[in-house]
C-alpha atoms as a PDB file:
ATOM      1  CA  UNK A   1       6.695 -17.426 -15.503  1.00  0.00           C
ATOM      2  CA  UNK A   2       9.687 -16.393 -17.602  1.00  0.00           C
ATOM      3  CA  UNK A   3      11.706 -13.293 -16.851  1.00  0.00           C
ATOM      4  CA  UNK A   4      10.476 -11.609 -20.038  1.00  0.00           C
ATOM      5  CA  UNK A   5       6.859 -12.234 -19.023  1.00  0.00           C
ATOM      6  CA  UNK A   6       7.235 -10.521 -15.637  1.00  0.00           C
ATOM      7  CA  UNK A   7       5.410  -7.282 -15.065  1.00  0.00           C
ATOM      8  CA  UNK A   8       7.714  -4.273 -14.972  1.00  0.00           C
ATOM      9  CA  UNK A   9       7.946  -2.111 -11.858  1.00  0.00           C
ATOM     10  CA  UNK A  10       8.394   1.648 -11.809  1.00  0.00           C
ATOM     11  CA  UNK A  11       7.868   4.504  -9.350  1.00  0.00           C
ATOM     12  CA  UNK A  12       4.269   5.688  -9.175  1.00  0.00           C
ATOM     13  CA  UNK A  13       3.584   9.242 -10.302  1.00  0.00           C
ATOM     14  CA  UNK A  14       0.657  11.601  -9.883  1.00  0.00           C
ATOM     15  CA  UNK A  15      -0.330  10.618 -13.433  1.00  0.00           C
ATOM     16  CA  UNK A  16      -1.034   7.110 -12.164  1.00  0.00           C
ATOM     17  CA  UNK A  17      -3.783   8.360  -9.853  1.00  0.00           C
ATOM     18  CA  UNK A  18      -6.702   7.099 -12.025  1.00  0.00           C
ATOM     19  CA  UNK A  19      -5.195   3.590 -12.201  1.00  0.00           C
ATOM     20  CA  UNK A  20      -4.386   3.671  -8.481  1.00  0.00           C
ATOM     21  CA  UNK A  21      -7.963   4.680  -7.685  1.00  0.00           C
ATOM     22  CA  UNK A  22      -9.247   1.799  -9.834  1.00  0.00           C
ATOM     23  CA  UNK A  23      -7.040  -0.655  -7.946  1.00  0.00           C
ATOM     24  CA  UNK A  24      -8.078   0.793  -4.559  1.00  0.00           C
ATOM     25  CA  UNK A  25     -11.728   0.301  -5.578  1.00  0.00           C
ATOM     26  CA  UNK A  26     -10.958  -3.331  -6.449  1.00  0.00           C
ATOM     27  CA  UNK A  27      -9.144  -3.766  -3.129  1.00  0.00           C
ATOM     28  CA  UNK A  28     -12.161  -2.384  -1.246  1.00  0.00           C
ATOM     29  CA  UNK A  29     -14.505  -4.723  -3.145  1.00  0.00           C
ATOM     30  CA  UNK A  30     -12.207  -7.681  -2.401  1.00  0.00           C
ATOM     31  CA  UNK A  31     -12.186  -6.877   1.328  1.00  0.00           C
ATOM     32  CA  UNK A  32     -15.846  -7.805   1.693  1.00  0.00           C
ATOM     33  CA  UNK A  33     -16.517  -4.641   3.679  1.00  0.00           C
ATOM     34  CA  UNK A  34     -19.376  -2.294   2.823  1.00  0.00           C
ATOM     35  CA  UNK A  35     -18.521  -0.202  -0.238  1.00  0.00           C
ATOM     36  CA  UNK A  36     -16.880   3.138   0.364  1.00  0.00           C
ATOM     37  CA  UNK A  37     -15.757   5.740  -2.127  1.00  0.00           C
ATOM     38  CA  UNK A  38     -11.966   6.071  -2.230  1.00  0.00           C
ATOM     39  CA  UNK A  39     -10.237   9.385  -2.701  1.00  0.00           C
ATOM     40  CA  UNK A  40     -10.857  10.884  -6.138  1.00  0.00           C
ATOM     41  CA  UNK A  41      -7.985  10.582  -8.599  1.00  0.00           C
ATOM     42  CA  UNK A  42      -7.365  14.339  -8.354  1.00  0.00           C
ATOM     43  CA  UNK A  43      -6.890  14.107  -4.582  1.00  0.00           C
ATOM     44  CA  UNK A  44      -4.597  11.095  -4.901  1.00  0.00           C
ATOM     45  CA  UNK A  45      -2.551  13.004  -7.496  1.00  0.00           C
ATOM     46  CA  UNK A  46      -2.279  15.983  -5.145  1.00  0.00           C
ATOM     47  CA  UNK A  47      -1.025  13.776  -2.306  1.00  0.00           C
ATOM     48  CA  UNK A  48       1.524  12.187  -4.648  1.00  0.00           C
ATOM     49  CA  UNK A  49       2.927  15.509  -5.896  1.00  0.00           C
ATOM     50  CA  UNK A  50       5.452  18.034  -4.739  1.00  0.00           C
ATOM     51  CA  UNK A  51       8.938  17.869  -3.282  1.00  0.00           C
ATOM     52  CA  UNK A  52       7.778  15.816  -0.271  1.00  0.00           C
ATOM     53  CA  UNK A  53       4.687  13.808  -1.265  1.00  0.00           C
ATOM     54  CA  UNK A  54       2.329  12.532   1.419  1.00  0.00           C
ATOM     55  CA  UNK A  55       2.319   9.089  -0.170  1.00  0.00           C
ATOM     56  CA  UNK A  56       4.518   7.337  -2.701  1.00  0.00           C
ATOM     57  CA  UNK A  57       4.444   4.021  -4.425  1.00  0.00           C
ATOM     58  CA  UNK A  58       5.403   1.583  -7.128  1.00  0.00           C
ATOM     59  CA  UNK A  59       3.291   0.548 -10.106  1.00  0.00           C
ATOM     60  CA  UNK A  60       3.497  -2.878 -11.757  1.00  0.00           C
ATOM     61  CA  UNK A  61       2.709  -2.801 -15.473  1.00  0.00           C
ATOM     62  CA  UNK A  62       2.159  -5.391 -18.138  1.00  0.00           C
ATOM     63  CA  UNK A  63       1.674  -4.293 -21.750  1.00  0.00           C
ATOM     64  CA  UNK A  64       1.152  -0.703 -20.598  1.00  0.00           C
ATOM     65  CA  UNK A  65      -1.617  -1.565 -18.106  1.00  0.00           C
ATOM     66  CA  UNK A  66      -1.253  -1.191 -14.345  1.00  0.00           C
ATOM     67  CA  UNK A  67      -1.717  -4.672 -12.849  1.00  0.00           C
ATOM     68  CA  UNK A  68      -0.496  -3.996  -9.335  1.00  0.00           C
ATOM     69  CA  UNK A  69       0.624  -1.294  -6.949  1.00  0.00           C
ATOM     70  CA  UNK A  70       1.981  -0.566  -3.533  1.00  0.00           C
ATOM     71  CA  UNK A  71       1.531   2.743  -1.693  1.00  0.00           C
ATOM     72  CA  UNK A  72       3.641   3.723   1.314  1.00  0.00           C
ATOM     73  CA  UNK A  73       4.911   6.517   3.531  1.00  0.00           C
ATOM     74  CA  UNK A  74       7.541   6.769   6.296  1.00  0.00           C
ATOM     75  CA  UNK A  75       6.471   6.129   9.876  1.00  0.00           C
ATOM     76  CA  UNK A  76       8.655   6.707  12.935  1.00  0.00           C
ATOM     77  CA  UNK A  77       8.266   4.389  15.914  1.00  0.00           C
ATOM     78  CA  UNK A  78       9.328   6.605  18.784  1.00  0.00           C
ATOM     79  CA  UNK A  79       9.017   3.692  21.225  1.00  0.00           C
ATOM     80  CA  UNK A  80      11.256   1.419  19.205  1.00  0.00           C
ATOM     81  CA  UNK A  81      13.485   4.223  17.973  1.00  0.00           C
ATOM     82  CA  UNK A  82      13.361   3.327  14.328  1.00  0.00           C
ATOM     83  CA  UNK A  83      11.981   4.580  11.065  1.00  0.00           C
ATOM     84  CA  UNK A  84       9.721   2.170   9.169  1.00  0.00           C
ATOM     85  CA  UNK A  85       7.790   2.301   5.949  1.00  0.00           C
ATOM     86  CA  UNK A  86       4.033   2.020   6.408  1.00  0.00           C
ATOM     87  CA  UNK A  87       2.386   0.069   3.594  1.00  0.00           C
ATOM     88  CA  UNK A  88      -0.959   1.744   3.029  1.00  0.00           C
ATOM     89  CA  UNK A  89      -2.142  -0.402   0.129  1.00  0.00           C
ATOM     90  CA  UNK A  90      -0.844  -3.421  -1.774  1.00  0.00           C
ATOM     91  CA  UNK A  91      -2.893  -4.660  -4.693  1.00  0.00           C
ATOM     92  CA  UNK A  92      -2.289  -7.252  -7.386  1.00  0.00           C
ATOM     93  CA  UNK A  93      -4.840  -8.013 -10.109  1.00  0.00           C
ATOM     94  CA  UNK A  94      -6.504 -11.423  -9.563  1.00  0.00           C
ATOM     95  CA  UNK A  95      -4.949 -13.006 -12.683  1.00  0.00           C
ATOM     96  CA  UNK A  96      -1.472 -11.889 -11.508  1.00  0.00           C
ATOM     97  CA  UNK A  97      -1.804 -13.389  -8.011  1.00  0.00           C
ATOM     98  CA  UNK A  98       0.554 -16.267  -7.334  1.00  0.00           C
ATOM     99  CA  UNK A  99       3.114 -14.898  -9.810  1.00  0.00           C
ATOM    100  CA  UNK A 100       5.360 -13.374  -7.140  1.00  0.00           C
ATOM    101  CA  UNK A 101       4.277  -9.853  -8.024  1.00  0.00           C
ATOM    102  CA  UNK A 102       3.074  -8.996  -4.507  1.00  0.00           C
ATOM    103  CA  UNK A 103       6.434 -10.028  -3.075  1.00  0.00           C
ATOM    104  CA  UNK A 104       8.250  -8.018  -5.764  1.00  0.00           C
ATOM    105  CA  UNK A 105       6.189  -4.922  -4.916  1.00  0.00           C
ATOM    106  CA  UNK A 106       6.918  -5.327  -1.194  1.00  0.00           C
ATOM    107  CA  UNK A 107      10.621  -5.827  -1.940  1.00  0.00           C
ATOM    108  CA  UNK A 108      10.661  -2.655  -4.062  1.00  0.00           C
ATOM    109  CA  UNK A 109       9.090  -0.709  -1.204  1.00  0.00           C
ATOM    110  CA  UNK A 110      11.553  -2.255   1.270  1.00  0.00           C
ATOM    111  CA  UNK A 111      14.512  -1.227  -0.907  1.00  0.00           C
ATOM    112  CA  UNK A 112      13.159   2.336  -1.051  1.00  0.00           C
ATOM    113  CA  UNK A 113      12.672   2.311   2.710  1.00  0.00           C
ATOM    114  CA  UNK A 114      16.186   1.018   3.333  1.00  0.00           C
ATOM    115  CA  UNK A 115      17.604   3.795   1.159  1.00  0.00           C
ATOM    116  CA  UNK A 116      15.839   6.261   3.494  1.00  0.00           C
ATOM    117  CA  UNK A 117      17.073   4.595   6.667  1.00  0.00           C
ATOM    118  CA  UNK A 118      13.982   2.503   7.400  1.00  0.00           C
ATOM    119  CA  UNK A 119      14.454  -0.672   9.403  1.00  0.00           C
ATOM    120  CA  UNK A 120      11.143  -2.409   8.688  1.00  0.00           C
ATOM    121  CA  UNK A 121       7.692  -2.413   7.145  1.00  0.00           C
ATOM    122  CA  UNK A 122       4.379  -1.986   8.928  1.00  0.00           C
ATOM    123  CA  UNK A 123       0.934  -2.667   7.515  1.00  0.00           C
ATOM    124  CA  UNK A 124      -2.608  -3.533   8.498  1.00  0.00           C
ATOM    125  CA  UNK A 125      -4.664  -6.431   7.149  1.00  0.00           C
ATOM    126  CA  UNK A 126      -8.450  -6.465   7.003  1.00  0.00           C
ATOM    127  CA  UNK A 127      -9.721  -9.069   9.462  1.00  0.00           C
ATOM    128  CA  UNK A 128     -11.727 -10.655   6.647  1.00  0.00           C
ATOM    129  CA  UNK A 129      -8.657 -11.081   4.396  1.00  0.00           C
ATOM    130  CA  UNK A 130      -7.229 -14.405   5.572  1.00  0.00           C
ATOM    131  CA  UNK A 131      -5.343 -14.939   2.296  1.00  0.00           C
ATOM    132  CA  UNK A 132      -3.436 -11.675   2.771  1.00  0.00           C
ATOM    133  CA  UNK A 133      -2.634 -12.557   6.385  1.00  0.00           C
ATOM    134  CA  UNK A 134      -1.190 -15.905   5.252  1.00  0.00           C
ATOM    135  CA  UNK A 135       0.818 -14.187   2.492  1.00  0.00           C
ATOM    136  CA  UNK A 136       2.364 -11.697   4.911  1.00  0.00           C
ATOM    137  CA  UNK A 137       3.088 -14.408   7.490  1.00  0.00           C
ATOM    138  CA  UNK A 138       4.929 -16.473   4.823  1.00  0.00           C
ATOM    139  CA  UNK A 139       7.160 -13.453   4.174  1.00  0.00           C
ATOM    140  CA  UNK A 140       8.016 -13.125   7.867  1.00  0.00           C
ATOM    141  CA  UNK A 141       5.607 -10.399   8.963  1.00  0.00           C
ATOM    142  CA  UNK A 142       4.498 -10.827  12.561  1.00  0.00           C
ATOM    143  CA  UNK A 143       1.125  -9.809  13.931  1.00  0.00           C
ATOM    144  CA  UNK A 144       1.338  -7.154  16.628  1.00  0.00           C
ATOM    145  CA  UNK A 145      -0.828  -8.600  19.366  1.00  0.00           C
ATOM    146  CA  UNK A 146      -0.510  -5.843  21.958  1.00  0.00           C
ATOM    147  CA  UNK A 147      -1.827  -2.912  19.895  1.00  0.00           C
ATOM    148  CA  UNK A 148      -5.232  -1.912  18.584  1.00  0.00           C
ATOM    149  CA  UNK A 149      -5.585   0.793  15.976  1.00  0.00           C
ATOM    150  CA  UNK A 150      -8.135   3.507  16.672  1.00  0.00           C
ATOM    151  CA  UNK A 151      -9.354   6.091  14.184  1.00  0.00           C
ATOM    152  CA  UNK A 152     -10.993   9.458  14.697  1.00  0.00           C
ATOM    153  CA  UNK A 153     -13.272  10.072  11.720  1.00  0.00           C
ATOM    154  CA  UNK A 154     -14.057  13.387  10.018  1.00  0.00           C
ATOM    155  CA  UNK A 155     -16.975  14.453  12.264  1.00  0.00           C
ATOM    156  CA  UNK A 156     -15.289  13.781  15.609  1.00  0.00           C
ATOM    157  CA  UNK A 157     -12.039  15.161  14.153  1.00  0.00           C
ATOM    158  CA  UNK A 158     -13.730  18.504  13.481  1.00  0.00           C
ATOM    159  CA  UNK A 159     -15.386  18.413  16.899  1.00  0.00           C
ATOM    160  CA  UNK A 160     -12.024  17.857  18.565  1.00  0.00           C
ATOM    161  CA  UNK A 161     -10.558  20.838  16.731  1.00  0.00           C
ATOM    162  CA  UNK A 162     -13.415  22.921  18.043  1.00  0.00           C
END
């Protein structure tokens, strides 16, 4: 692919929330998991706004259409004593896969993280997404074998609060 044909990257804004939601829906469908309803665009926009947004990202565009995105936020490993960037979502449209766009999005996030003092990237891969696992391994990501992620959902969360 020629340089002029590459998708352009830019910081994501709250105005991108509808496109981000569309790509999250496609990511969910691609995962093979039961369908869930991602955050509404309005909620995504709220979390992406303000002086210290909850989540930030980069949008890849071609001819004015979002064709990829990466969403991230800082995460401090107190055990390892370093700040990392947690990659919440990485999505590339199917016809853009294999073009290097996923790597470019990760590199953009890594540059942003480095500017903030981050020393690495952390992400989770759906067990069913073998292609993503291979992609991340090719880039040098290593699977953390000695940790399991646990989540407390909305009902138990409210119960815990009391």
